[in-house]
Amino acid sequence: MARPKKQPGEPDVRQRIGDACWELLETRHLRDMTVGDVTDRARCNRGTFYYYYTDLNDLVSSVLERELTADGSWPAAVFRLTAGQEPSENWQKSVRSIERVRLVMDRGGMGLVLAKTLEVAMRMWTTVLCPDGSPLKEEARLAIEYSVSGTLGLLALAGATKSGGTDAYRPALMFLQSNAWFLLDKISAAQNVSENELRARLAIVARIAESTKP
């Protein structure tokens, strides 16, 4: 199948499909969404959808990854905090990322969120800790899994309050900060890397991310 063409002056079709997914999730449970709902809202045909995605779960996984790897996302905030820095933007930017992750959880996608967040977190930490391509030590993996699971649990609880905004997510944001100290201690010990060296590596990653922002 040929790559779908972009019409002059229109957003990229993948962006339209992703935007349509988020808009639908505002009012619908995942089980009630269909590919037809997405394509109607994105103004594209089913063939275009299936050019990029195998099914709805693949679409949701993709938009989640974009949200979790963007500058200002909560995984990026953990990196900066562990490096001893403040996030590049204020907490409100992290709240937007958290709101979207929580939305998918609230719409029946807890399993998708957990799987994708763990995948992203493990990839980010492996890049920093294992530049030679070796696997993470088991103790480091367990610390990262604890971090991700604990944060998602707090997000689910915050979402259940239905109050939204920065105040609703303040416990999760505070957990991110205390988690940074936990991760620094556990990961440096597990990987046999000093805390100063780990901070230095994380700071390099943070500077690269900052310099490549559009």
N, C-alpha and C. Protein backbone atom coordinates (compact mmCIF):
# COMPACT_ATOMS: atom_id res chain seq x y z
N MET A 1 0.83 -1.19 0.00
CA MET A 1 0.00 0.00 0.00
C MET A 1 0.87 1.25 0.00
N ALA A 2 0.55 2.23 -0.86
CA ALA A 2 1.34 3.45 -0.95
C ALA A 2 1.16 4.30 0.30
N ARG A 3 2.18 5.08 0.64
CA ARG A 3 2.10 5.97 1.80
C ARG A 3 1.03 7.02 1.55
N PRO A 4 0.11 7.23 2.50
CA PRO A 4 -0.93 8.25 2.33
C PRO A 4 -0.32 9.63 2.11
N LYS A 5 -0.92 10.40 1.21
CA LYS A 5 -0.41 11.72 0.89
C LYS A 5 -0.97 12.76 1.85
N LYS A 6 -0.12 13.74 2.17
CA LYS A 6 -0.55 14.85 3.03
C LYS A 6 -1.12 15.95 2.16
N GLN A 7 -2.32 16.43 2.49
CA GLN A 7 -2.92 17.52 1.75
C GLN A 7 -2.31 18.85 2.18
N PRO A 8 -2.07 19.77 1.23
CA PRO A 8 -1.47 21.07 1.57
C PRO A 8 -2.28 21.79 2.65
N GLY A 9 -1.57 22.29 3.66
CA GLY A 9 -2.23 23.06 4.71
C GLY A 9 -2.89 22.24 5.79
N GLU A 10 -2.89 20.91 5.66
CA GLU A 10 -3.51 20.05 6.66
C GLU A 10 -2.45 19.43 7.57
N PRO A 11 -2.80 19.15 8.83
CA PRO A 11 -1.86 18.43 9.69
C PRO A 11 -1.57 17.04 9.12
N ASP A 12 -0.42 16.50 9.44
CA ASP A 12 -0.07 15.15 9.03
C ASP A 12 -1.17 14.19 9.47
N VAL A 13 -1.47 13.19 8.62
CA VAL A 13 -2.58 12.28 8.91
C VAL A 13 -2.36 11.52 10.20
N ARG A 14 -1.12 11.18 10.52
CA ARG A 14 -0.87 10.49 11.79
C ARG A 14 -1.19 11.40 12.98
N GLN A 15 -0.91 12.69 12.82
CA GLN A 15 -1.27 13.62 13.88
C GLN A 15 -2.78 13.71 14.02
N ARG A 16 -3.48 13.73 12.90
CA ARG A 16 -4.95 13.80 12.96
C ARG A 16 -5.52 12.54 13.62
N ILE A 17 -4.96 11.39 13.29
CA ILE A 17 -5.43 10.14 13.89
C ILE A 17 -5.16 10.15 15.39
N GLY A 18 -3.95 10.60 15.78
CA GLY A 18 -3.62 10.67 17.20
C GLY A 18 -4.52 11.64 17.95
N ASP A 19 -4.75 12.81 17.35
CA ASP A 19 -5.64 13.80 17.98
C ASP A 19 -7.05 13.24 18.12
N ALA A 20 -7.50 12.52 17.10
CA ALA A 20 -8.84 11.92 17.15
C ALA A 20 -8.93 10.92 18.29
N CYS A 21 -7.87 10.15 18.48
CA CYS A 21 -7.85 9.17 19.57
C CYS A 21 -8.02 9.85 20.92
N TRP A 22 -7.25 10.92 21.16
CA TRP A 22 -7.35 11.63 22.44
C TRP A 22 -8.73 12.26 22.62
N GLU A 23 -9.29 12.81 21.55
CA GLU A 23 -10.61 13.44 21.64
C GLU A 23 -11.68 12.41 21.99
N LEU A 24 -11.62 11.24 21.38
CA LEU A 24 -12.60 10.20 21.66
C LEU A 24 -12.47 9.68 23.09
N LEU A 25 -11.23 9.58 23.57
CA LEU A 25 -11.02 9.09 24.92
C LEU A 25 -11.59 10.03 25.99
N GLU A 26 -11.81 11.28 25.63
CA GLU A 26 -12.39 12.22 26.58
C GLU A 26 -13.80 11.80 26.99
N THR A 27 -14.48 11.08 26.10
CA THR A 27 -15.89 10.76 26.38
C THR A 27 -16.23 9.28 26.28
N ARG A 28 -15.28 8.44 25.83
CA ARG A 28 -15.61 7.04 25.60
C ARG A 28 -14.63 6.08 26.27
N HIS A 29 -15.16 4.94 26.67
CA HIS A 29 -14.33 3.83 27.15
C HIS A 29 -13.68 3.18 25.93
N LEU A 30 -12.50 2.62 26.14
CA LEU A 30 -11.80 1.96 25.03
C LEU A 30 -12.64 0.87 24.36
N ARG A 31 -13.40 0.15 25.16
CA ARG A 31 -14.19 -0.93 24.58
C ARG A 31 -15.30 -0.42 23.67
N ASP A 32 -15.65 0.86 23.80
CA ASP A 32 -16.72 1.44 22.98
C ASP A 32 -16.20 2.17 21.75
N MET A 33 -14.88 2.27 21.61
CA MET A 33 -14.30 2.95 20.45
C MET A 33 -14.09 1.96 19.32
N THR A 34 -14.24 2.44 18.10
CA THR A 34 -13.99 1.62 16.92
C THR A 34 -13.04 2.33 15.98
N VAL A 35 -12.46 1.58 15.07
CA VAL A 35 -11.60 2.18 14.06
C VAL A 35 -12.39 3.19 13.24
N GLY A 36 -13.66 2.88 12.96
CA GLY A 36 -14.51 3.80 12.22
C GLY A 36 -14.68 5.13 12.94
N ASP A 37 -14.82 5.09 14.27
CA ASP A 37 -14.93 6.33 15.04
C ASP A 37 -13.69 7.20 14.83
N VAL A 38 -12.53 6.56 14.87
CA VAL A 38 -11.27 7.29 14.74
C VAL A 38 -11.13 7.87 13.34
N THR A 39 -11.39 7.06 12.32
CA THR A 39 -11.21 7.55 10.95
C THR A 39 -12.22 8.64 10.60
N ASP A 40 -13.43 8.54 11.11
CA ASP A 40 -14.42 9.59 10.86
C ASP A 40 -13.95 10.92 11.44
N ARG A 41 -13.45 10.87 12.67
CA ARG A 41 -13.02 12.11 13.33
C ARG A 41 -11.73 12.64 12.71
N ALA A 42 -10.86 11.73 12.27
CA ALA A 42 -9.58 12.15 11.68
C ALA A 42 -9.69 12.50 10.20
N ARG A 43 -10.85 12.26 9.62
CA ARG A 43 -11.11 12.54 8.19
C ARG A 43 -10.12 11.78 7.30
N CYS A 44 -10.08 10.47 7.53
CA CYS A 44 -9.26 9.61 6.68
C CYS A 44 -9.99 8.29 6.51
N ASN A 45 -9.51 7.44 5.60
CA ASN A 45 -10.18 6.16 5.39
C ASN A 45 -9.51 5.05 6.21
N ARG A 46 -10.17 3.90 6.25
CA ARG A 46 -9.67 2.79 7.05
C ARG A 46 -8.33 2.28 6.52
N GLY A 47 -8.15 2.34 5.20
CA GLY A 47 -6.89 1.90 4.64
C GLY A 47 -5.72 2.72 5.17
N THR A 48 -5.94 4.04 5.31
CA THR A 48 -4.90 4.91 5.86
C THR A 48 -4.60 4.54 7.30
N PHE A 49 -5.66 4.28 8.07
CA PHE A 49 -5.46 3.88 9.47
C PHE A 49 -4.60 2.62 9.54
N TYR A 50 -4.94 1.62 8.74
CA TYR A 50 -4.22 0.34 8.83
C TYR A 50 -2.85 0.39 8.17
N TYR A 51 -2.57 1.46 7.44
CA TYR A 51 -1.21 1.65 6.93
C TYR A 51 -0.26 1.90 8.10
N TYR A 52 -0.75 2.62 9.10
CA TYR A 52 0.08 3.01 10.24
C TYR A 52 -0.09 2.11 11.47
N TYR A 53 -1.29 1.56 11.68
CA TYR A 53 -1.58 0.83 12.92
C TYR A 53 -2.26 -0.50 12.63
N THR A 54 -1.96 -1.49 13.45
CA THR A 54 -2.58 -2.80 13.25
C THR A 54 -4.00 -2.85 13.82
N ASP A 55 -4.23 -2.09 14.90
CA ASP A 55 -5.56 -2.06 15.53
C ASP A 55 -5.60 -0.88 16.50
N LEU A 56 -6.70 -0.77 17.25
CA LEU A 56 -6.84 0.35 18.19
C LEU A 56 -5.81 0.30 19.31
N ASN A 57 -5.51 -0.90 19.80
CA ASN A 57 -4.50 -1.02 20.86
C ASN A 57 -3.15 -0.50 20.38
N ASP A 58 -2.83 -0.78 19.13
CA ASP A 58 -1.57 -0.29 18.56
C ASP A 58 -1.57 1.23 18.49
N LEU A 59 -2.71 1.82 18.13
CA LEU A 59 -2.83 3.28 18.08
C LEU A 59 -2.65 3.87 19.48
N VAL A 60 -3.35 3.33 20.47
CA VAL A 60 -3.26 3.86 21.83
C VAL A 60 -1.83 3.71 22.36
N SER A 61 -1.20 2.58 22.09
CA SER A 61 0.18 2.37 22.51
C SER A 61 1.10 3.42 21.88
N SER A 62 0.85 3.75 20.61
CA SER A 62 1.68 4.73 19.91
C SER A 62 1.52 6.13 20.47
N VAL A 63 0.26 6.56 20.71
CA VAL A 63 0.06 7.91 21.24
C VAL A 63 0.58 8.01 22.67
N LEU A 64 0.49 6.92 23.42
CA LEU A 64 1.06 6.90 24.77
C LEU A 64 2.57 7.08 24.73
N GLU A 65 3.22 6.38 23.80
CA GLU A 65 4.68 6.50 23.71
C GLU A 65 5.09 7.93 23.41
N ARG A 66 4.37 8.59 22.49
CA ARG A 66 4.69 9.98 22.19
C ARG A 66 4.56 10.86 23.43
N GLU A 67 3.52 10.59 24.23
CA GLU A 67 3.29 11.38 25.44
C GLU A 67 4.36 11.10 26.48
N LEU A 68 4.80 9.86 26.58
CA LEU A 68 5.76 9.47 27.61
C LEU A 68 7.20 9.83 27.27
N THR A 69 7.48 10.10 26.01
CA THR A 69 8.85 10.44 25.61
C THR A 69 9.03 11.91 25.29
N ALA A 70 7.96 12.69 25.36
CA ALA A 70 8.06 14.12 25.09
C ALA A 70 8.80 14.83 26.22
N ASP A 71 9.46 15.95 25.88
CA ASP A 71 10.09 16.74 26.91
C ASP A 71 9.00 17.27 27.85
N GLY A 72 9.22 17.14 29.14
CA GLY A 72 8.20 17.55 30.10
C GLY A 72 7.35 16.40 30.60
N SER A 73 7.48 15.21 29.98
CA SER A 73 6.73 14.05 30.46
C SER A 73 7.25 13.65 31.83
N TRP A 74 6.45 12.85 32.57
CA TRP A 74 6.92 12.51 33.91
C TRP A 74 8.14 11.59 33.89
N PRO A 75 8.33 10.68 32.89
CA PRO A 75 9.60 9.94 32.88
C PRO A 75 10.80 10.88 32.68
N ALA A 76 10.63 11.91 31.83
CA ALA A 76 11.71 12.88 31.63
C ALA A 76 11.95 13.68 32.90
N ALA A 77 10.88 13.99 33.64
CA ALA A 77 11.03 14.71 34.90
C ALA A 77 11.82 13.89 35.91
N VAL A 78 11.57 12.57 35.95
CA VAL A 78 12.32 11.70 36.85
C VAL A 78 13.81 11.73 36.50
N PHE A 79 14.13 11.71 35.21
CA PHE A 79 15.53 11.78 34.79
C PHE A 79 16.18 13.05 35.32
N ARG A 80 15.51 14.17 35.13
CA ARG A 80 16.09 15.46 35.55
C ARG A 80 16.22 15.53 37.07
N LEU A 81 15.21 15.07 37.77
CA LEU A 81 15.26 15.09 39.23
C LEU A 81 16.37 14.19 39.76
N THR A 82 16.54 13.02 39.15
CA THR A 82 17.59 12.10 39.59
C THR A 82 18.97 12.69 39.32
N ALA A 83 19.06 13.51 38.27
CA ALA A 83 20.32 14.18 37.95
C ALA A 83 20.58 15.38 38.86
N GLY A 84 19.61 15.69 39.74
CA GLY A 84 19.78 16.82 40.65
C GLY A 84 19.32 18.12 40.05
N GLN A 85 18.54 18.06 38.96
CA GLN A 85 18.04 19.25 38.30
C GLN A 85 16.54 19.39 38.52
N GLU A 86 16.05 20.59 38.27
CA GLU A 86 14.62 20.79 38.19
C GLU A 86 14.18 20.46 36.77
N PRO A 87 12.93 20.05 36.55
CA PRO A 87 12.46 19.85 35.19
C PRO A 87 12.64 21.12 34.37
N SER A 88 12.82 20.98 33.07
CA SER A 88 13.10 22.13 32.21
C SER A 88 11.94 23.11 32.19
N GLU A 89 10.73 22.63 32.36
CA GLU A 89 9.55 23.48 32.41
C GLU A 89 8.94 23.34 33.80
N ASN A 90 7.92 24.14 34.09
CA ASN A 90 7.29 24.00 35.40
C ASN A 90 6.46 22.71 35.44
N TRP A 91 5.96 22.41 36.64
CA TRP A 91 5.25 21.16 36.83
C TRP A 91 4.00 21.06 35.96
N GLN A 92 3.46 22.19 35.52
CA GLN A 92 2.22 22.14 34.76
C GLN A 92 2.39 21.31 33.49
N LYS A 93 3.59 21.35 32.90
CA LYS A 93 3.82 20.57 31.69
C LYS A 93 3.80 19.07 32.01
N SER A 94 4.33 18.70 33.16
CA SER A 94 4.27 17.30 33.56
C SER A 94 2.84 16.88 33.87
N VAL A 95 2.05 17.83 34.40
CA VAL A 95 0.65 17.52 34.70
C VAL A 95 -0.11 17.18 33.43
N ARG A 96 0.19 17.87 32.33
CA ARG A 96 -0.49 17.56 31.06
C ARG A 96 -0.19 16.13 30.64
N SER A 97 1.08 15.73 30.76
CA SER A 97 1.47 14.36 30.43
C SER A 97 0.75 13.37 31.34
N ILE A 98 0.72 13.69 32.64
CA ILE A 98 0.05 12.82 33.60
C ILE A 98 -1.44 12.70 33.30
N GLU A 99 -2.08 13.83 32.95
CA GLU A 99 -3.51 13.83 32.65
C GLU A 99 -3.82 12.86 31.52
N ARG A 100 -3.01 12.85 30.50
CA ARG A 100 -3.28 11.98 29.36
C ARG A 100 -3.04 10.51 29.69
N VAL A 101 -1.99 10.24 30.44
CA VAL A 101 -1.75 8.86 30.86
C VAL A 101 -2.90 8.38 31.73
N ARG A 102 -3.32 9.22 32.67
CA ARG A 102 -4.44 8.87 33.54
C ARG A 102 -5.72 8.66 32.76
N LEU A 103 -5.93 9.45 31.70
CA LEU A 103 -7.13 9.32 30.90
C LEU A 103 -7.23 7.92 30.29
N VAL A 104 -6.13 7.42 29.74
CA VAL A 104 -6.13 6.08 29.15
C VAL A 104 -6.42 5.04 30.23
N MET A 105 -5.82 5.20 31.41
CA MET A 105 -6.09 4.28 32.51
C MET A 105 -7.57 4.29 32.88
N ASP A 106 -8.14 5.49 32.95
CA ASP A 106 -9.53 5.64 33.35
C ASP A 106 -10.50 5.07 32.32
N ARG A 107 -10.05 4.95 31.08
CA ARG A 107 -10.90 4.44 30.02
C ARG A 107 -10.68 2.96 29.75
N GLY A 108 -10.07 2.27 30.70
CA GLY A 108 -9.91 0.83 30.58
C GLY A 108 -8.59 0.36 30.00
N GLY A 109 -7.60 1.28 29.96
CA GLY A 109 -6.33 0.92 29.35
C GLY A 109 -5.19 0.77 30.34
N MET A 110 -5.48 0.35 31.58
CA MET A 110 -4.42 0.24 32.59
C MET A 110 -3.31 -0.69 32.12
N GLY A 111 -3.66 -1.83 31.54
CA GLY A 111 -2.65 -2.78 31.07
C GLY A 111 -1.77 -2.18 30.00
N LEU A 112 -2.38 -1.44 29.07
CA LEU A 112 -1.61 -0.77 28.00
C LEU A 112 -0.66 0.26 28.59
N VAL A 113 -1.16 1.04 29.55
CA VAL A 113 -0.34 2.09 30.15
C VAL A 113 0.85 1.48 30.89
N LEU A 114 0.60 0.45 31.68
CA LEU A 114 1.68 -0.18 32.44
C LEU A 114 2.73 -0.76 31.51
N ALA A 115 2.29 -1.49 30.49
CA ALA A 115 3.24 -2.12 29.57
C ALA A 115 4.07 -1.07 28.83
N LYS A 116 3.42 -0.03 28.32
CA LYS A 116 4.13 0.99 27.54
C LYS A 116 5.05 1.83 28.43
N THR A 117 4.59 2.18 29.64
CA THR A 117 5.42 2.98 30.53
C THR A 117 6.66 2.22 30.96
N LEU A 118 6.49 0.93 31.28
CA LEU A 118 7.66 0.11 31.63
C LEU A 118 8.62 0.00 30.46
N GLU A 119 8.08 -0.19 29.27
CA GLU A 119 8.94 -0.29 28.08
C GLU A 119 9.75 0.98 27.87
N VAL A 120 9.08 2.13 27.97
CA VAL A 120 9.77 3.42 27.78
C VAL A 120 10.81 3.65 28.87
N ALA A 121 10.42 3.40 30.13
CA ALA A 121 11.35 3.62 31.24
C ALA A 121 12.58 2.72 31.14
N MET A 122 12.36 1.44 30.84
CA MET A 122 13.49 0.52 30.72
C MET A 122 14.41 0.94 29.58
N ARG A 123 13.84 1.39 28.47
CA ARG A 123 14.66 1.81 27.33
C ARG A 123 15.48 3.05 27.68
N MET A 124 14.85 4.01 28.36
CA MET A 124 15.56 5.24 28.74
C MET A 124 16.73 4.93 29.68
N TRP A 125 16.45 4.11 30.71
CA TRP A 125 17.50 3.81 31.68
C TRP A 125 18.59 2.93 31.08
N THR A 126 18.22 2.02 30.18
CA THR A 126 19.23 1.17 29.54
C THR A 126 20.18 2.01 28.70
N THR A 127 19.64 3.02 28.02
CA THR A 127 20.47 3.92 27.21
C THR A 127 21.53 4.61 28.07
N VAL A 128 21.14 5.03 29.27
CA VAL A 128 22.05 5.74 30.15
C VAL A 128 23.04 4.79 30.83
N LEU A 129 22.54 3.64 31.28
CA LEU A 129 23.34 2.76 32.13
C LEU A 129 24.13 1.71 31.37
N CYS A 130 23.67 1.35 30.19
CA CYS A 130 24.31 0.24 29.45
C CYS A 130 24.62 0.65 28.02
N PRO A 131 25.49 1.64 27.82
CA PRO A 131 25.81 2.09 26.46
C PRO A 131 26.47 1.01 25.61
N ASP A 132 27.00 -0.03 26.26
CA ASP A 132 27.64 -1.12 25.52
C ASP A 132 26.63 -2.17 25.06
N GLY A 133 25.35 -1.95 25.36
CA GLY A 133 24.33 -2.89 24.91
C GLY A 133 24.04 -4.02 25.87
N SER A 134 24.70 -4.05 27.01
CA SER A 134 24.44 -5.09 28.00
C SER A 134 23.09 -4.84 28.68
N PRO A 135 22.48 -5.87 29.26
CA PRO A 135 21.18 -5.69 29.91
C PRO A 135 21.32 -5.03 31.28
N LEU A 136 20.23 -4.44 31.73
CA LEU A 136 20.19 -3.89 33.09
C LEU A 136 20.32 -5.03 34.10
N LYS A 137 20.94 -4.73 35.24
CA LYS A 137 20.98 -5.71 36.33
C LYS A 137 19.57 -5.88 36.89
N GLU A 138 19.30 -7.07 37.41
CA GLU A 138 17.96 -7.37 37.90
C GLU A 138 17.52 -6.40 39.01
N GLU A 139 18.44 -6.02 39.90
CA GLU A 139 18.08 -5.10 40.98
C GLU A 139 17.66 -3.73 40.42
N ALA A 140 18.33 -3.30 39.36
CA ALA A 140 17.97 -2.02 38.74
C ALA A 140 16.61 -2.12 38.07
N ARG A 141 16.34 -3.23 37.41
CA ARG A 141 15.03 -3.42 36.77
C ARG A 141 13.91 -3.40 37.81
N LEU A 142 14.14 -4.05 38.94
CA LEU A 142 13.12 -4.08 39.99
C LEU A 142 12.86 -2.68 40.55
N ALA A 143 13.92 -1.88 40.69
CA ALA A 143 13.75 -0.51 41.20
C ALA A 143 12.94 0.33 40.22
N ILE A 144 13.20 0.16 38.93
CA ILE A 144 12.46 0.91 37.91
C ILE A 144 11.00 0.46 37.87
N GLU A 145 10.76 -0.86 37.98
CA GLU A 145 9.39 -1.37 38.00
C GLU A 145 8.63 -0.83 39.22
N TYR A 146 9.30 -0.78 40.36
CA TYR A 146 8.68 -0.22 41.56
C TYR A 146 8.31 1.24 41.33
N SER A 147 9.24 1.98 40.75
CA SER A 147 9.01 3.40 40.48
C SER A 147 7.79 3.61 39.58
N VAL A 148 7.75 2.87 38.49
CA VAL A 148 6.65 3.01 37.52
C VAL A 148 5.32 2.59 38.14
N SER A 149 5.31 1.42 38.78
CA SER A 149 4.07 0.91 39.37
C SER A 149 3.54 1.83 40.46
N GLY A 150 4.43 2.34 41.29
CA GLY A 150 4.01 3.24 42.36
C GLY A 150 3.43 4.52 41.83
N THR A 151 4.07 5.09 40.79
CA THR A 151 3.57 6.33 40.22
C THR A 151 2.21 6.12 39.56
N LEU A 152 2.08 5.04 38.80
CA LEU A 152 0.80 4.77 38.13
C LEU A 152 -0.32 4.53 39.15
N GLY A 153 0.01 3.87 40.26
CA GLY A 153 -0.99 3.67 41.30
C GLY A 153 -1.49 4.98 41.87
N LEU A 154 -0.57 5.92 42.09
CA LEU A 154 -0.97 7.23 42.59
C LEU A 154 -1.79 8.00 41.55
N LEU A 155 -1.43 7.83 40.28
CA LEU A 155 -2.19 8.51 39.21
C LEU A 155 -3.61 7.98 39.15
N ALA A 156 -3.76 6.67 39.30
CA ALA A 156 -5.09 6.08 39.28
C ALA A 156 -5.92 6.62 40.43
N LEU A 157 -5.30 6.75 41.60
CA LEU A 157 -6.00 7.27 42.76
C LEU A 157 -6.37 8.73 42.56
N ALA A 158 -5.45 9.52 42.00
CA ALA A 158 -5.73 10.93 41.74
C ALA A 158 -6.86 11.07 40.74
N GLY A 159 -6.85 10.21 39.70
CA GLY A 159 -7.90 10.27 38.70
C GLY A 159 -9.26 9.97 39.28
N ALA A 160 -9.30 9.08 40.28
CA ALA A 160 -10.58 8.70 40.89
C ALA A 160 -11.21 9.85 41.65
N THR A 161 -10.40 10.86 42.04
CA THR A 161 -10.97 12.00 42.75
C THR A 161 -11.77 12.90 41.83
N LYS A 162 -11.49 12.82 40.51
CA LYS A 162 -12.18 13.61 39.49
C LYS A 162 -11.97 15.11 39.65
N SER A 163 -11.02 15.52 40.50
CA SER A 163 -10.84 16.95 40.68
C SER A 163 -9.92 17.56 39.64
N GLY A 164 -8.95 16.76 39.16
CA GLY A 164 -8.07 17.22 38.10
C GLY A 164 -7.14 18.35 38.55
N GLY A 165 -6.31 18.83 37.61
CA GLY A 165 -5.43 19.95 37.89
C GLY A 165 -4.22 19.56 38.71
N THR A 166 -3.35 20.56 38.95
CA THR A 166 -2.10 20.31 39.64
C THR A 166 -2.31 19.76 41.04
N ASP A 167 -3.30 20.29 41.78
CA ASP A 167 -3.51 19.86 43.16
C ASP A 167 -3.86 18.37 43.24
N ALA A 168 -4.66 17.88 42.29
CA ALA A 168 -5.05 16.47 42.32
C ALA A 168 -3.85 15.56 42.14
N TYR A 169 -2.84 16.04 41.41
CA TYR A 169 -1.69 15.21 41.11
C TYR A 169 -0.47 15.55 41.97
N ARG A 170 -0.65 16.44 42.95
CA ARG A 170 0.49 16.82 43.79
C ARG A 170 1.13 15.62 44.49
N PRO A 171 0.33 14.66 45.05
CA PRO A 171 0.98 13.48 45.67
C PRO A 171 1.85 12.71 44.68
N ALA A 172 1.37 12.58 43.42
CA ALA A 172 2.17 11.87 42.42
C ALA A 172 3.43 12.64 42.08
N LEU A 173 3.33 13.97 42.00
CA LEU A 173 4.50 14.78 41.70
C LEU A 173 5.52 14.72 42.84
N MET A 174 5.02 14.72 44.07
CA MET A 174 5.92 14.58 45.23
C MET A 174 6.57 13.20 45.23
N PHE A 175 5.81 12.18 44.82
CA PHE A 175 6.36 10.82 44.74
C PHE A 175 7.49 10.78 43.71
N LEU A 176 7.33 11.50 42.61
CA LEU A 176 8.39 11.55 41.60
C LEU A 176 9.68 12.09 42.21
N GLN A 177 9.55 13.12 43.03
CA GLN A 177 10.74 13.71 43.62
C GLN A 177 11.42 12.75 44.60
N SER A 178 10.64 12.14 45.50
CA SER A 178 11.25 11.20 46.44
C SER A 178 11.75 9.96 45.70
N ASN A 179 11.07 9.60 44.62
CA ASN A 179 11.47 8.46 43.82
C ASN A 179 12.83 8.66 43.17
N ALA A 180 13.12 9.92 42.83
CA ALA A 180 14.41 10.24 42.21
C ALA A 180 15.55 9.86 43.15
N TRP A 181 15.39 10.15 44.42
CA TRP A 181 16.43 9.80 45.41
C TRP A 181 16.53 8.28 45.55
N PHE A 182 15.37 7.62 45.58
CA PHE A 182 15.33 6.16 45.68
C PHE A 182 16.06 5.53 44.49
N LEU A 183 15.73 6.00 43.28
CA LEU A 183 16.34 5.44 42.08
C LEU A 183 17.84 5.69 42.05
N LEU A 184 18.26 6.87 42.46
CA LEU A 184 19.69 7.19 42.47
C LEU A 184 20.45 6.19 43.35
N ASP A 185 19.92 5.92 44.52
CA ASP A 185 20.57 5.00 45.45
C ASP A 185 20.56 3.57 44.93
N LYS A 186 19.38 3.08 44.56
CA LYS A 186 19.24 1.68 44.16
C LYS A 186 19.94 1.37 42.85
N ILE A 187 19.79 2.25 41.87
CA ILE A 187 20.36 1.96 40.55
C ILE A 187 21.88 2.08 40.57
N SER A 188 22.39 3.08 41.27
CA SER A 188 23.86 3.22 41.31
C SER A 188 24.49 1.99 41.96
N ALA A 189 23.84 1.47 43.02
CA ALA A 189 24.36 0.28 43.69
C ALA A 189 24.24 -0.95 42.79
N ALA A 190 23.09 -1.09 42.15
CA ALA A 190 22.86 -2.27 41.31
C ALA A 190 23.80 -2.32 40.12
N GLN A 191 24.04 -1.17 39.50
CA GLN A 191 24.86 -1.12 38.28
C GLN A 191 26.34 -0.86 38.57
N ASN A 192 26.67 -0.72 39.87
CA ASN A 192 28.05 -0.45 40.25
C ASN A 192 28.58 0.83 39.60
N VAL A 193 27.73 1.87 39.66
CA VAL A 193 28.08 3.18 39.13
C VAL A 193 27.90 4.17 40.28
N SER A 194 28.88 5.03 40.50
CA SER A 194 28.76 5.98 41.61
C SER A 194 27.59 6.92 41.37
N GLU A 195 27.05 7.47 42.46
CA GLU A 195 25.94 8.40 42.33
C GLU A 195 26.34 9.63 41.51
N ASN A 196 27.57 10.12 41.69
CA ASN A 196 28.03 11.28 40.93
C ASN A 196 28.11 10.96 39.44
N GLU A 197 28.62 9.76 39.13
CA GLU A 197 28.71 9.36 37.72
C GLU A 197 27.33 9.22 37.12
N LEU A 198 26.40 8.64 37.87
CA LEU A 198 25.03 8.47 37.37
C LEU A 198 24.39 9.83 37.12
N ARG A 199 24.57 10.76 38.06
CA ARG A 199 24.03 12.11 37.86
C ARG A 199 24.63 12.75 36.61
N ALA A 200 25.92 12.56 36.41
CA ALA A 200 26.59 13.17 35.26
C ALA A 200 26.03 12.61 33.95
N ARG A 201 25.81 11.30 33.89
CA ARG A 201 25.25 10.69 32.68
C ARG A 201 23.84 11.20 32.41
N LEU A 202 23.04 11.29 33.46
CA LEU A 202 21.67 11.77 33.30
C LEU A 202 21.65 13.23 32.87
N ALA A 203 22.58 14.02 33.39
CA ALA A 203 22.65 15.43 33.02
C ALA A 203 22.98 15.59 31.54
N ILE A 204 23.86 14.72 31.02
CA ILE A 204 24.20 14.77 29.60
C ILE A 204 22.96 14.49 28.75
N VAL A 205 22.20 13.45 29.14
CA VAL A 205 20.97 13.12 28.41
C VAL A 205 20.00 14.29 28.46
N ALA A 206 19.87 14.92 29.60
CA ALA A 206 18.95 16.04 29.76
C ALA A 206 19.38 17.22 28.88
N ARG A 207 20.71 17.48 28.79
CA ARG A 207 21.19 18.59 27.96
C ARG A 207 20.95 18.29 26.49
N ILE A 208 21.16 17.04 26.07
CA ILE A 208 20.93 16.67 24.67
C ILE A 208 19.45 16.86 24.32
N ALA A 209 18.59 16.42 25.22
CA ALA A 209 17.15 16.56 24.98
C ALA A 209 16.77 18.03 24.87
N GLU A 210 17.36 18.86 25.72
CA GLU A 210 17.06 20.29 25.71
C GLU A 210 17.53 20.94 24.42
N SER A 211 18.73 20.53 23.95
CA SER A 211 19.30 21.16 22.75
C SER A 211 18.63 20.74 21.46
N THR A 212 17.91 19.60 21.49
CA THR A 212 17.26 19.11 20.28
C THR A 212 15.77 19.40 20.25
N LYS A 213 15.27 20.15 21.26
CA LYS A 213 13.85 20.49 21.23
C LYS A 213 13.56 21.39 20.05
N PRO A 214 12.40 21.20 19.35
CA PRO A 214 12.06 22.08 18.23
C PRO A 214 11.80 23.50 18.71
